Every structure is written in C-alpha cells, then in structure tokens.
C-alpha cells in the first residue's frame, strides 16, 4: 500500500498486517554521527528509545531486520542485545537484500515497513 492511500482512519488496520520491520542504522537507529576512539575504530551512539520501539514491535510478533552498508561491529552488538532476527552488515544494495529476505520468509512488501 502506498503512503498516499493511508489515512488516520486506516493506519492501525494497515499496521496490523506488518510482519517485518526493516531498519537501516545511520540516521535511523543513531543520530547519524560517527565517532572514532583512540584506536581509530568507529563507534555509533544508539538511542534507547529506538531499542524500546524494537522490543515493543517484537512483543507484537513483528520480526526485525537491520540492513546497513556499514560494517561496524558495534551495530552487530546492538542488534544482538536487542534480539534482532536478521542483521546484514556491509550491504550495498539494500532493496535486493530485503527482496531476498522477503522471499525466504514468504512475505510480500505489503507486509514490510522499511526505514532508512
């Protein structure tokens, strides 16, 4: 369903059909900043409110995937701490990866929300 068809009245009904929440990392789960420690390693700052949103979605049975072009280990650590179902780091074509995952899970794009 395209966003132009969504209204206040049917948004709850639409979201009830969502089976997969797909997220990028930078600027979605982080403030978009990249920090470096003294060893030159990249560090990301994650917001606990986003983590709570992920946990609430999971409690409703929604699967969560993180698909990001970054390959920073801290992303994998945060995803593991949240119990994220699928994590793909270093992905250049996110749409292709999401399409493949949907096929594996037997989902259509109408059952997916993506941010990123």
PDB file of N, CA and C in Angstrom:
ATOM      1  N   UNK A   1       0.849  -1.170   0.000  1.00  0.00           N
ATOM      2  CA  UNK A   1       0.000   0.000   0.000  1.00  0.00           C
ATOM      3  C   UNK A   1       0.896   1.233   0.000  1.00  0.00           C
ATOM      4  N   UNK A   2       0.635   2.173  -0.875  1.00  0.00           N
ATOM      5  CA  UNK A   2       1.430   3.394  -0.914  1.00  0.00           C
ATOM      6  C   UNK A   2       0.950   4.356   0.161  1.00  0.00           C
ATOM      7  N   UNK A   3       1.837   5.259   0.564  1.00  0.00           N
ATOM      8  CA  UNK A   3       1.509   6.164   1.663  1.00  0.00           C
ATOM      9  C   UNK A   3       0.384   7.122   1.320  1.00  0.00           C
ATOM     10  N   UNK A   4       0.148   7.412   0.028  1.00  0.00           N
ATOM     11  CA  UNK A   4      -0.939   8.327  -0.315  1.00  0.00           C
ATOM     12  C   UNK A   4      -2.311   7.711  -0.030  1.00  0.00           C
ATOM     13  N   UNK A   5      -2.389   6.422   0.158  1.00  0.00           N
ATOM     14  CA  UNK A   5      -3.657   5.758   0.464  1.00  0.00           C
ATOM     15  C   UNK A   5      -3.895   5.642   1.971  1.00  0.00           C
ATOM     16  N   UNK A   6      -2.897   6.001   2.767  1.00  0.00           N
ATOM     17  CA  UNK A   6      -3.047   5.887   4.214  1.00  0.00           C
ATOM     18  C   UNK A   6      -3.761   7.111   4.773  1.00  0.00           C
ATOM     19  N   UNK A   7      -4.624   6.878   5.717  1.00  0.00           N
ATOM     20  CA  UNK A   7      -5.294   7.963   6.417  1.00  0.00           C
ATOM     21  C   UNK A   7      -5.288   7.627   7.899  1.00  0.00           C
ATOM     22  N   UNK A   8      -5.646   8.576   8.683  1.00  0.00           N
ATOM     23  CA  UNK A   8      -5.701   8.360  10.131  1.00  0.00           C
ATOM     24  C   UNK A   8      -6.625   7.192  10.468  1.00  0.00           C
ATOM     25  N   UNK A   9      -7.683   7.036   9.701  1.00  0.00           N
ATOM     26  CA  UNK A   9      -8.675   6.000   9.986  1.00  0.00           C
ATOM     27  C   UNK A   9      -8.166   4.588   9.697  1.00  0.00           C
ATOM     28  N   UNK A  10      -7.324   4.434   8.675  1.00  0.00           N
ATOM     29  CA  UNK A  10      -6.928   3.068   8.325  1.00  0.00           C
ATOM     30  C   UNK A  10      -5.482   2.727   8.666  1.00  0.00           C
ATOM     31  N   UNK A  11      -4.753   3.623   9.311  1.00  0.00           N
ATOM     32  CA  UNK A  11      -3.352   3.342   9.625  1.00  0.00           C
ATOM     33  C   UNK A  11      -3.213   2.168  10.595  1.00  0.00           C
ATOM     34  N   UNK A  12      -4.071   2.075  11.584  1.00  0.00           N
ATOM     35  CA  UNK A  12      -3.993   0.976  12.550  1.00  0.00           C
ATOM     36  C   UNK A  12      -4.256  -0.353  11.855  1.00  0.00           C
ATOM     37  N   UNK A  13      -5.247  -0.380  10.988  1.00  0.00           N
ATOM     38  CA  UNK A  13      -5.552  -1.601  10.232  1.00  0.00           C
ATOM     39  C   UNK A  13      -4.374  -1.983   9.342  1.00  0.00           C
ATOM     40  N   UNK A  14      -3.790  -1.003   8.678  1.00  0.00           N
ATOM     41  CA  UNK A  14      -2.642  -1.254   7.803  1.00  0.00           C
ATOM     42  C   UNK A  14      -1.470  -1.827   8.601  1.00  0.00           C
ATOM     43  N   UNK A  15      -1.150  -1.206   9.720  1.00  0.00           N
ATOM     44  CA  UNK A  15      -0.014  -1.658  10.516  1.00  0.00           C
ATOM     45  C   UNK A  15      -0.238  -3.037  11.117  1.00  0.00           C
ATOM     46  N   UNK A  16      -1.469  -3.436  11.302  1.00  0.00           N
ATOM     47  CA  UNK A  16      -1.765  -4.765  11.842  1.00  0.00           C
ATOM     48  C   UNK A  16      -1.270  -5.871  10.915  1.00  0.00           C
ATOM     49  N   UNK A  17      -1.115  -5.577   9.629  1.00  0.00           N
ATOM     50  CA  UNK A  17      -0.643  -6.567   8.668  1.00  0.00           C
ATOM     51  C   UNK A  17       0.864  -6.607   8.505  1.00  0.00           C
ATOM     52  N   UNK A  18       1.586  -5.789   9.254  1.00  0.00           N
ATOM     53  CA  UNK A  18       3.041  -5.739   9.129  1.00  0.00           C
ATOM     54  C   UNK A  18       3.665  -6.920   9.865  1.00  0.00           C
ATOM     55  N   UNK A  19       4.511  -7.657   9.157  1.00  0.00           N
ATOM     56  CA  UNK A  19       5.196  -8.825   9.716  1.00  0.00           C
ATOM     57  C   UNK A  19       6.690  -8.592   9.903  1.00  0.00           C
ATOM     58  N   UNK A  20       7.241  -7.581   9.196  1.00  0.00           N
ATOM     59  CA  UNK A  20       8.685  -7.355   9.220  1.00  0.00           C
ATOM     60  C   UNK A  20       8.978  -5.865   9.287  1.00  0.00           C
ATOM     61  N   UNK A  21       9.815  -5.477  10.250  1.00  0.00           N
ATOM     62  CA  UNK A  21      10.311  -4.112  10.378  1.00  0.00           C
ATOM     63  C   UNK A  21      11.756  -4.112   9.919  1.00  0.00           C
ATOM     64  N   UNK A  22      12.034  -3.389   8.844  1.00  0.00           N
ATOM     65  CA  UNK A  22      13.367  -3.325   8.257  1.00  0.00           C
ATOM     66  C   UNK A  22      13.970  -1.955   8.545  1.00  0.00           C
ATOM     67  N   UNK A  23      15.181  -1.944   9.090  1.00  0.00           N
ATOM     68  CA  UNK A  23      15.814  -0.699   9.509  1.00  0.00           C
ATOM     69  C   UNK A  23      17.231  -0.572   8.977  1.00  0.00           C
ATOM     70  N   UNK A  24      17.589   0.630   8.568  1.00  0.00           N
ATOM     71  CA  UNK A  24      18.985   0.980   8.347  1.00  0.00           C
ATOM     72  C   UNK A  24      19.523   1.398   9.707  1.00  0.00           C
ATOM     73  N   UNK A  25      20.783   1.727   9.786  1.00  0.00           N
ATOM     74  CA  UNK A  25      21.347   2.130  11.068  1.00  0.00           C
ATOM     75  C   UNK A  25      21.590   3.633  11.137  1.00  0.00           C
ATOM     76  N   UNK A  26      22.501   4.125  10.307  1.00  0.00           N
ATOM     77  CA  UNK A  26      22.927   5.518  10.403  1.00  0.00           C
ATOM     78  C   UNK A  26      21.785   6.477  10.094  1.00  0.00           C
ATOM     79  N   UNK A  27      21.462   7.316  11.074  1.00  0.00           N
ATOM     80  CA  UNK A  27      20.383   8.276  10.922  1.00  0.00           C
ATOM     81  C   UNK A  27      19.011   7.707  11.228  1.00  0.00           C
ATOM     82  N   UNK A  28      18.926   6.408  11.458  1.00  0.00           N
ATOM     83  CA  UNK A  28      17.657   5.767  11.821  1.00  0.00           C
ATOM     84  C   UNK A  28      17.730   5.305  13.278  1.00  0.00           C
ATOM     85  N   UNK A  29      18.671   4.448  13.569  1.00  0.00           N
ATOM     86  CA  UNK A  29      18.879   3.983  14.942  1.00  0.00           C
ATOM     87  C   UNK A  29      19.964   4.782  15.659  1.00  0.00           C
ATOM     88  N   UNK A  30      20.622   5.673  14.934  1.00  0.00           N
ATOM     89  CA  UNK A  30      21.650   6.536  15.519  1.00  0.00           C
ATOM     90  C   UNK A  30      21.335   7.982  15.166  1.00  0.00           C
ATOM     91  N   UNK A  31      22.120   8.886  15.719  1.00  0.00           N
ATOM     92  CA  UNK A  31      21.947  10.300  15.403  1.00  0.00           C
ATOM     93  C   UNK A  31      22.642  10.683  14.100  1.00  0.00           C
ATOM     94  N   UNK A  32      23.206   9.711  13.412  1.00  0.00           N
ATOM     95  CA  UNK A  32      23.882   9.960  12.143  1.00  0.00           C
ATOM     96  C   UNK A  32      25.355  10.289  12.300  1.00  0.00           C
ATOM     97  N   UNK A  33      25.801  10.470  13.529  1.00  0.00           N
ATOM     98  CA  UNK A  33      27.210  10.777  13.767  1.00  0.00           C
ATOM     99  C   UNK A  33      28.049   9.514  13.824  1.00  0.00           C
ATOM    100  N   UNK A  34      29.303   9.659  13.462  1.00  0.00           N
ATOM    101  CA  UNK A  34      30.258   8.558  13.581  1.00  0.00           C
ATOM    102  C   UNK A  34      31.384   9.047  14.479  1.00  0.00           C
ATOM    103  N   UNK A  35      31.651   8.295  15.517  1.00  0.00           N
ATOM    104  CA  UNK A  35      32.698   8.644  16.461  1.00  0.00           C
ATOM    105  C   UNK A  35      33.863   7.687  16.255  1.00  0.00           C
ATOM    106  N   UNK A  36      35.067   8.147  16.563  1.00  0.00           N
ATOM    107  CA  UNK A  36      36.253   7.308  16.481  1.00  0.00           C
ATOM    108  C   UNK A  36      36.936   7.287  17.838  1.00  0.00           C
ATOM    109  N   UNK A  37      37.323   6.090  18.289  1.00  0.00           N
ATOM    110  CA  UNK A  37      38.086   6.019  19.531  1.00  0.00           C
ATOM    111  C   UNK A  37      39.566   6.216  19.218  1.00  0.00           C
ATOM    112  N   UNK A  38      40.406   6.176  20.239  1.00  0.00           N
ATOM    113  CA  UNK A  38      41.834   6.431  20.043  1.00  0.00           C
ATOM    114  C   UNK A  38      42.509   5.391  19.160  1.00  0.00           C
ATOM    115  N   UNK A  39      41.915   4.213  19.053  1.00  0.00           N
ATOM    116  CA  UNK A  39      42.461   3.161  18.185  1.00  0.00           C
ATOM    117  C   UNK A  39      41.986   3.314  16.743  1.00  0.00           C
ATOM    118  N   UNK A  40      41.160   4.332  16.481  1.00  0.00           N
ATOM    119  CA  UNK A  40      40.664   4.562  15.128  1.00  0.00           C
ATOM    120  C   UNK A  40      39.438   3.747  14.765  1.00  0.00           C
ATOM    121  N   UNK A  41      38.842   3.082  15.748  1.00  0.00           N
ATOM    122  CA  UNK A  41      37.653   2.270  15.493  1.00  0.00           C
ATOM    123  C   UNK A  41      36.402   3.144  15.505  1.00  0.00           C
ATOM    124  N   UNK A  42      35.485   2.845  14.582  1.00  0.00           N
ATOM    125  CA  UNK A  42      34.223   3.580  14.524  1.00  0.00           C
ATOM    126  C   UNK A  42      33.307   3.147  15.662  1.00  0.00           C
ATOM    127  N   UNK A  43      32.610   4.127  16.217  1.00  0.00           N
ATOM    128  CA  UNK A  43      31.654   3.874  17.288  1.00  0.00           C
ATOM    129  C   UNK A  43      30.363   4.597  16.933  1.00  0.00           C
ATOM    130  N   UNK A  44      29.231   3.958  17.170  1.00  0.00           N
ATOM    131  CA  UNK A  44      27.925   4.567  16.931  1.00  0.00           C
ATOM    132  C   UNK A  44      27.216   4.766  18.268  1.00  0.00           C
ATOM    133  N   UNK A  45      26.430   5.815  18.364  1.00  0.00           N
ATOM    134  CA  UNK A  45      25.615   6.074  19.557  1.00  0.00           C
ATOM    135  C   UNK A  45      24.177   5.705  19.225  1.00  0.00           C
ATOM    136  N   UNK A  46      23.635   4.723  19.936  1.00  0.00           N
ATOM    137  CA  UNK A  46      22.268   4.260  19.722  1.00  0.00           C
ATOM    138  C   UNK A  46      21.353   4.853  20.784  1.00  0.00           C
ATOM    139  N   UNK A  47      20.120   5.146  20.401  1.00  0.00           N
ATOM    140  CA  UNK A  47      19.150   5.713  21.327  1.00  0.00           C
ATOM    141  C   UNK A  47      18.330   4.588  21.954  1.00  0.00           C
ATOM    142  N   UNK A  48      18.220   4.596  23.268  1.00  0.00           N
ATOM    143  CA  UNK A  48      17.476   3.539  23.960  1.00  0.00           C
ATOM    144  C   UNK A  48      15.986   3.566  23.610  1.00  0.00           C
ATOM    145  N   UNK A  49      15.473   4.717  23.202  1.00  0.00           N
ATOM    146  CA  UNK A  49      14.058   4.796  22.813  1.00  0.00           C
ATOM    147  C   UNK A  49      13.798   3.975  21.551  1.00  0.00           C
ATOM    148  N   UNK A  50      14.743   3.988  20.620  1.00  0.00           N
ATOM    149  CA  UNK A  50      14.608   3.149  19.427  1.00  0.00           C
ATOM    150  C   UNK A  50      14.638   1.677  19.812  1.00  0.00           C
ATOM    151  N   UNK A  51      15.507   1.338  20.753  1.00  0.00           N
ATOM    152  CA  UNK A  51      15.569  -0.038  21.237  1.00  0.00           C
ATOM    153  C   UNK A  51      14.255  -0.474  21.859  1.00  0.00           C
ATOM    154  N   UNK A  52      13.629   0.417  22.596  1.00  0.00           N
ATOM    155  CA  UNK A  52      12.326   0.104  23.196  1.00  0.00           C
ATOM    156  C   UNK A  52      11.282  -0.109  22.107  1.00  0.00           C
ATOM    157  N   UNK A  53      11.322   0.704  21.064  1.00  0.00           N
ATOM    158  CA  UNK A  53      10.396   0.527  19.946  1.00  0.00           C
ATOM    159  C   UNK A  53      10.566  -0.824  19.276  1.00  0.00           C
ATOM    160  N   UNK A  54      11.811  -1.246  19.118  1.00  0.00           N
ATOM    161  CA  UNK A  54      12.090  -2.560  18.535  1.00  0.00           C
ATOM    162  C   UNK A  54      11.530  -3.658  19.436  1.00  0.00           C
ATOM    163  N   UNK A  55      11.764  -3.552  20.735  1.00  0.00           N
ATOM    164  CA  UNK A  55      11.264  -4.565  21.669  1.00  0.00           C
ATOM    165  C   UNK A  55       9.733  -4.616  21.673  1.00  0.00           C
ATOM    166  N   UNK A  56       9.077  -3.464  21.573  1.00  0.00           N
ATOM    167  CA  UNK A  56       7.611  -3.439  21.517  1.00  0.00           C
ATOM    168  C   UNK A  56       7.097  -4.108  20.243  1.00  0.00           C
ATOM    169  N   UNK A  57       7.768  -3.845  19.117  1.00  0.00           N
ATOM    170  CA  UNK A  57       7.378  -4.493  17.857  1.00  0.00           C
ATOM    171  C   UNK A  57       7.551  -6.004  17.964  1.00  0.00           C
ATOM    172  N   UNK A  58       8.680  -6.435  18.518  1.00  0.00           N
ATOM    173  CA  UNK A  58       8.927  -7.864  18.683  1.00  0.00           C
ATOM    174  C   UNK A  58       7.873  -8.507  19.589  1.00  0.00           C
ATOM    175  N   UNK A  59       7.459  -7.793  20.622  1.00  0.00           N
ATOM    176  CA  UNK A  59       6.439  -8.325  21.535  1.00  0.00           C
ATOM    177  C   UNK A  59       5.108  -8.542  20.827  1.00  0.00           C
ATOM    178  N   UNK A  60       4.881  -7.823  19.735  1.00  0.00           N
ATOM    179  CA  UNK A  60       3.662  -7.982  18.930  1.00  0.00           C
ATOM    180  C   UNK A  60       3.853  -9.023  17.824  1.00  0.00           C
ATOM    181  N   UNK A  61       5.027  -9.685  17.807  1.00  0.00           N
ATOM    182  CA  UNK A  61       5.279 -10.725  16.821  1.00  0.00           C
ATOM    183  C   UNK A  61       5.912 -10.249  15.530  1.00  0.00           C
ATOM    184  N   UNK A  62       6.316  -8.990  15.481  1.00  0.00           N
ATOM    185  CA  UNK A  62       6.952  -8.449  14.277  1.00  0.00           C
ATOM    186  C   UNK A  62       8.425  -8.840  14.280  1.00  0.00           C
ATOM    187  N   UNK A  63       8.890  -9.409  13.172  1.00  0.00           N
ATOM    188  CA  UNK A  63      10.303  -9.724  13.021  1.00  0.00           C
ATOM    189  C   UNK A  63      11.038  -8.432  12.662  1.00  0.00           C
ATOM    190  N   UNK A  64      12.309  -8.339  13.056  1.00  0.00           N
ATOM    191  CA  UNK A  64      13.097  -7.137  12.808  1.00  0.00           C
ATOM    192  C   UNK A  64      14.361  -7.515  12.052  1.00  0.00           C
ATOM    193  N   UNK A  65      14.704  -6.705  11.057  1.00  0.00           N
ATOM    194  CA  UNK A  65      15.939  -6.873  10.308  1.00  0.00           C
ATOM    195  C   UNK A  65      16.657  -5.532  10.261  1.00  0.00           C
ATOM    196  N   UNK A  66      17.973  -5.580  10.394  1.00  0.00           N
ATOM    197  CA  UNK A  66      18.812  -4.407  10.161  1.00  0.00           C
ATOM    198  C   UNK A  66      19.612  -4.691   8.904  1.00  0.00           C
ATOM    199  N   UNK A  67      19.503  -3.782   7.940  1.00  0.00           N
ATOM    200  CA  UNK A  67      20.255  -3.876   6.687  1.00  0.00           C
ATOM    201  C   UNK A  67      20.998  -2.559   6.526  1.00  0.00           C
ATOM    202  N   UNK A  68      22.322  -2.608   6.562  1.00  0.00           N
ATOM    203  CA  UNK A  68      23.110  -1.383   6.513  1.00  0.00           C
ATOM    204  C   UNK A  68      24.357  -1.556   5.659  1.00  0.00           C
ATOM    205  N   UNK A  69      24.800  -0.467   5.077  1.00  0.00           N
ATOM    206  CA  UNK A  69      26.028  -0.509   4.285  1.00  0.00           C
ATOM    207  C   UNK A  69      27.260  -0.504   5.185  1.00  0.00           C
ATOM    208  N   UNK A  70      27.093  -0.102   6.415  1.00  0.00           N
ATOM    209  CA  UNK A  70      28.205  -0.077   7.362  1.00  0.00           C
ATOM    210  C   UNK A  70      28.549  -1.494   7.806  1.00  0.00           C
ATOM    211  N   UNK A  71      29.801  -1.679   8.180  1.00  0.00           N
ATOM    212  CA  UNK A  71      30.206  -2.993   8.692  1.00  0.00           C
ATOM    213  C   UNK A  71      30.838  -2.871  10.081  1.00  0.00           C
ATOM    214  N   UNK A  72      30.469  -1.830  10.798  1.00  0.00           N
ATOM    215  CA  UNK A  72      30.997  -1.591  12.137  1.00  0.00           C
ATOM    216  C   UNK A  72      30.480  -2.639  13.121  1.00  0.00           C
ATOM    217  N   UNK A  73      31.377  -3.297  13.856  1.00  0.00           N
ATOM    218  CA  UNK A  73      30.949  -4.342  14.793  1.00  0.00           C
ATOM    219  C   UNK A  73      29.935  -3.878  15.836  1.00  0.00           C
ATOM    220  N   UNK A  74      29.963  -2.605  16.225  1.00  0.00           N
ATOM    221  CA  UNK A  74      29.031  -2.132  17.256  1.00  0.00           C
ATOM    222  C   UNK A  74      27.577  -2.297  16.825  1.00  0.00           C
ATOM    223  N   UNK A  75      27.318  -2.266  15.527  1.00  0.00           N
ATOM    224  CA  UNK A  75      25.949  -2.458  15.033  1.00  0.00           C
ATOM    225  C   UNK A  75      25.488  -3.883  15.335  1.00  0.00           C
ATOM    226  N   UNK A  76      26.349  -4.835  15.072  1.00  0.00           N
ATOM    227  CA  UNK A  76      26.031  -6.227  15.377  1.00  0.00           C
ATOM    228  C   UNK A  76      25.830  -6.457  16.863  1.00  0.00           C
ATOM    229  N   UNK A  77      26.637  -5.790  17.681  1.00  0.00           N
ATOM    230  CA  UNK A  77      26.497  -5.921  19.135  1.00  0.00           C
ATOM    231  C   UNK A  77      25.153  -5.367  19.612  1.00  0.00           C
ATOM    232  N   UNK A  78      24.765  -4.199  19.083  1.00  0.00           N
ATOM    233  CA  UNK A  78      23.481  -3.603  19.473  1.00  0.00           C
ATOM    234  C   UNK A  78      22.329  -4.496  19.016  1.00  0.00           C
ATOM    235  N   UNK A  79      22.413  -4.998  17.797  1.00  0.00           N
ATOM    236  CA  UNK A  79      21.364  -5.875  17.270  1.00  0.00           C
ATOM    237  C   UNK A  79      21.230  -7.135  18.124  1.00  0.00           C
ATOM    238  N   UNK A  80      22.352  -7.708  18.522  1.00  0.00           N
ATOM    239  CA  UNK A  80      22.325  -8.911  19.362  1.00  0.00           C
ATOM    240  C   UNK A  80      21.700  -8.607  20.722  1.00  0.00           C
ATOM    241  N   UNK A  81      22.028  -7.450  21.286  1.00  0.00           N
ATOM    242  CA  UNK A  81      21.470  -7.072  22.586  1.00  0.00           C
ATOM    243  C   UNK A  81      19.951  -6.921  22.522  1.00  0.00           C
ATOM    244  N   UNK A  82      19.444  -6.524  21.359  1.00  0.00           N
ATOM    245  CA  UNK A  82      18.005  -6.344  21.182  1.00  0.00           C
ATOM    246  C   UNK A  82      17.301  -7.605  20.684  1.00  0.00           C
ATOM    247  N   UNK A  83      18.066  -8.635  20.345  1.00  0.00           N
ATOM    248  CA  UNK A  83      17.465  -9.857  19.826  1.00  0.00           C
ATOM    249  C   UNK A  83      16.912  -9.697  18.421  1.00  0.00           C
ATOM    250  N   UNK A  84      17.572  -8.856  17.612  1.00  0.00           N
ATOM    251  CA  UNK A  84      17.129  -8.634  16.233  1.00  0.00           C
ATOM    252  C   UNK A  84      17.256  -9.938  15.451  1.00  0.00           C
ATOM    253  N   UNK A  85      16.217 -10.268  14.691  1.00  0.00           N
ATOM    254  CA  UNK A  85      16.138 -11.554  13.997  1.00  0.00           C
ATOM    255  C   UNK A  85      17.176 -11.732  12.893  1.00  0.00           C
ATOM    256  N   UNK A  86      17.392 -10.687  12.105  1.00  0.00           N
ATOM    257  CA  UNK A  86      18.297 -10.768  10.958  1.00  0.00           C
ATOM    258  C   UNK A  86      19.129  -9.495  10.906  1.00  0.00           C
ATOM    259  N   UNK A  87      20.447  -9.639  10.712  1.00  0.00           N
ATOM    260  CA  UNK A  87      21.348  -8.489  10.634  1.00  0.00           C
ATOM    261  C   UNK A  87      22.259  -8.682   9.432  1.00  0.00           C
ATOM    262  N   UNK A  88      22.276  -7.685   8.559  1.00  0.00           N
ATOM    263  CA  UNK A  88      23.122  -7.725   7.372  1.00  0.00           C
ATOM    264  C   UNK A  88      23.964  -6.461   7.344  1.00  0.00           C
ATOM    265  N   UNK A  89      25.273  -6.624   7.528  1.00  0.00           N
ATOM    266  CA  UNK A  89      26.213  -5.514   7.520  1.00  0.00           C
ATOM    267  C   UNK A  89      26.952  -5.473   6.190  1.00  0.00           C
ATOM    268  N   UNK A  90      27.378  -4.284   5.778  1.00  0.00           N
ATOM    269  CA  UNK A  90      28.170  -4.136   4.562  1.00  0.00           C
ATOM    270  C   UNK A  90      27.385  -4.384   3.290  1.00  0.00           C
ATOM    271  N   UNK A  91      26.100  -4.075   3.289  1.00  0.00           N
ATOM    272  CA  UNK A  91      25.229  -4.330   2.136  1.00  0.00           C
ATOM    273  C   UNK A  91      25.169  -3.091   1.249  1.00  0.00           C
ATOM    274  N   UNK A  92      25.498  -3.256  -0.023  1.00  0.00           N
ATOM    275  CA  UNK A  92      25.451  -2.108  -0.941  1.00  0.00           C
ATOM    276  C   UNK A  92      24.070  -1.943  -1.575  1.00  0.00           C
ATOM    277  N   UNK A  93      23.360  -3.032  -1.811  1.00  0.00           N
ATOM    278  CA  UNK A  93      22.025  -2.960  -2.410  1.00  0.00           C
ATOM    279  C   UNK A  93      21.000  -3.468  -1.393  1.00  0.00           C
ATOM    280  N   UNK A  94      20.480  -2.548  -0.597  1.00  0.00           N
ATOM    281  CA  UNK A  94      19.565  -2.914   0.488  1.00  0.00           C
ATOM    282  C   UNK A  94      18.242  -3.455  -0.034  1.00  0.00           C
ATOM    283  N   UNK A  95      17.759  -2.895  -1.127  1.00  0.00           N
ATOM    284  CA  UNK A  95      16.494  -3.381  -1.692  1.00  0.00           C
ATOM    285  C   UNK A  95      16.619  -4.840  -2.131  1.00  0.00           C
ATOM    286  N   UNK A  96      17.719  -5.171  -2.769  1.00  0.00           N
ATOM    287  CA  UNK A  96      17.934  -6.556  -3.197  1.00  0.00           C
ATOM    288  C   UNK A  96      17.989  -7.495  -1.988  1.00  0.00           C
ATOM    289  N   UNK A  97      18.700  -7.089  -0.939  1.00  0.00           N
ATOM    290  CA  UNK A  97      18.800  -7.923   0.267  1.00  0.00           C
ATOM    291  C   UNK A  97      17.422  -8.096   0.915  1.00  0.00           C
ATOM    292  N   UNK A  98      16.645  -7.014   0.980  1.00  0.00           N
ATOM    293  CA  UNK A  98      15.309  -7.093   1.564  1.00  0.00           C
ATOM    294  C   UNK A  98      14.392  -7.968   0.711  1.00  0.00           C
ATOM    295  N   UNK A  99      14.499  -7.852  -0.597  1.00  0.00           N
ATOM    296  CA  UNK A  99      13.707  -8.685  -1.507  1.00  0.00           C
ATOM    297  C   UNK A  99      14.020 -10.164  -1.284  1.00  0.00           C
ATOM    298  N   UNK A 100      15.308 -10.486  -1.176  1.00  0.00           N
ATOM    299  CA  UNK A 100      15.717 -11.873  -0.934  1.00  0.00           C
ATOM    300  C   UNK A 100      15.194 -12.381   0.412  1.00  0.00           C
ATOM    301  N   UNK A 101      15.290 -11.544   1.449  1.00  0.00           N
ATOM    302  CA  UNK A 101      14.810 -11.951   2.767  1.00  0.00           C
ATOM    303  C   UNK A 101      13.303 -12.178   2.752  1.00  0.00           C
ATOM    304  N   UNK A 102      12.572 -11.290   2.090  1.00  0.00           N
ATOM    305  CA  UNK A 102      11.114 -11.459   1.998  1.00  0.00           C
ATOM    306  C   UNK A 102      10.764 -12.771   1.302  1.00  0.00           C
ATOM    307  N   UNK A 103      11.501 -13.100   0.252  1.00  0.00           N
ATOM    308  CA  UNK A 103      11.261 -14.363  -0.443  1.00  0.00           C
ATOM    309  C   UNK A 103      11.522 -15.544   0.494  1.00  0.00           C
ATOM    310  N   UNK A 104      12.616 -15.472   1.256  1.00  0.00           N
ATOM    311  CA  UNK A 104      12.946 -16.543   2.204  1.00  0.00           C
ATOM    312  C   UNK A 104      11.875 -16.700   3.285  1.00  0.00           C
ATOM    313  N   UNK A 105      11.292 -15.573   3.709  1.00  0.00           N
ATOM    314  CA  UNK A 105      10.295 -15.592   4.782  1.00  0.00           C
ATOM    315  C   UNK A 105       8.866 -15.745   4.270  1.00  0.00           C
ATOM    316  N   UNK A 106       8.700 -15.728   2.943  1.00  0.00           N
ATOM    317  CA  UNK A 106       7.363 -15.839   2.364  1.00  0.00           C
ATOM    318  C   UNK A 106       6.515 -14.600   2.583  1.00  0.00           C
ATOM    319  N   UNK A 107       7.152 -13.427   2.573  1.00  0.00           N
ATOM    320  CA  UNK A 107       6.445 -12.163   2.799  1.00  0.00           C
ATOM    321  C   UNK A 107       6.400 -11.323   1.530  1.00  0.00           C
ATOM    322  N   UNK A 108       5.356 -10.515   1.408  1.00  0.00           N
ATOM    323  CA  UNK A 108       5.283  -9.524   0.332  1.00  0.00           C
ATOM    324  C   UNK A 108       5.689  -8.173   0.913  1.00  0.00           C
ATOM    325  N   UNK A 109       5.987  -7.212   0.032  1.00  0.00           N
ATOM    326  CA  UNK A 109       6.359  -5.880   0.513  1.00  0.00           C
ATOM    327  C   UNK A 109       5.211  -5.195   1.246  1.00  0.00           C
ATOM    328  N   UNK A 110       3.979  -5.624   1.030  1.00  0.00           N
ATOM    329  CA  UNK A 110       2.844  -5.066   1.772  1.00  0.00           C
ATOM    330  C   UNK A 110       2.898  -5.435   3.252  1.00  0.00           C
ATOM    331  N   UNK A 111       3.714  -6.421   3.594  1.00  0.00           N
ATOM    332  CA  UNK A 111       3.840  -6.862   4.981  1.00  0.00           C
ATOM    333  C   UNK A 111       5.100  -6.315   5.650  1.00  0.00           C
ATOM    334  N   UNK A 112       5.761  -5.365   4.981  1.00  0.00           N
ATOM    335  CA  UNK A 112       7.048  -4.845   5.437  1.00  0.00           C
ATOM    336  C   UNK A 112       6.986  -3.333   5.595  1.00  0.00           C
ATOM    337  N   UNK A 113       7.596  -2.852   6.660  1.00  0.00           N
ATOM    338  CA  UNK A 113       7.855  -1.423   6.819  1.00  0.00           C
ATOM    339  C   UNK A 113       9.365  -1.264   6.832  1.00  0.00           C
ATOM    340  N   UNK A 114       9.872  -0.322   6.012  1.00  0.00           N
ATOM    341  CA  UNK A 114      11.316  -0.073   5.965  1.00  0.00           C
ATOM    342  C   UNK A 114      11.597   1.385   6.277  1.00  0.00           C
ATOM    343  N   UNK A 115      12.589   1.620   7.113  1.00  0.00           N
ATOM    344  CA  UNK A 115      13.069   2.970   7.397  1.00  0.00           C
ATOM    345  C   UNK A 115      14.556   3.017   7.105  1.00  0.00           C
ATOM    346  N   UNK A 116      14.936   3.974   6.270  1.00  0.00           N
ATOM    347  CA  UNK A 116      16.360   4.124   6.004  1.00  0.00           C
ATOM    348  C   UNK A 116      16.679   4.511   4.613  1.00  0.00           C
TER     349      UNK A 116
END
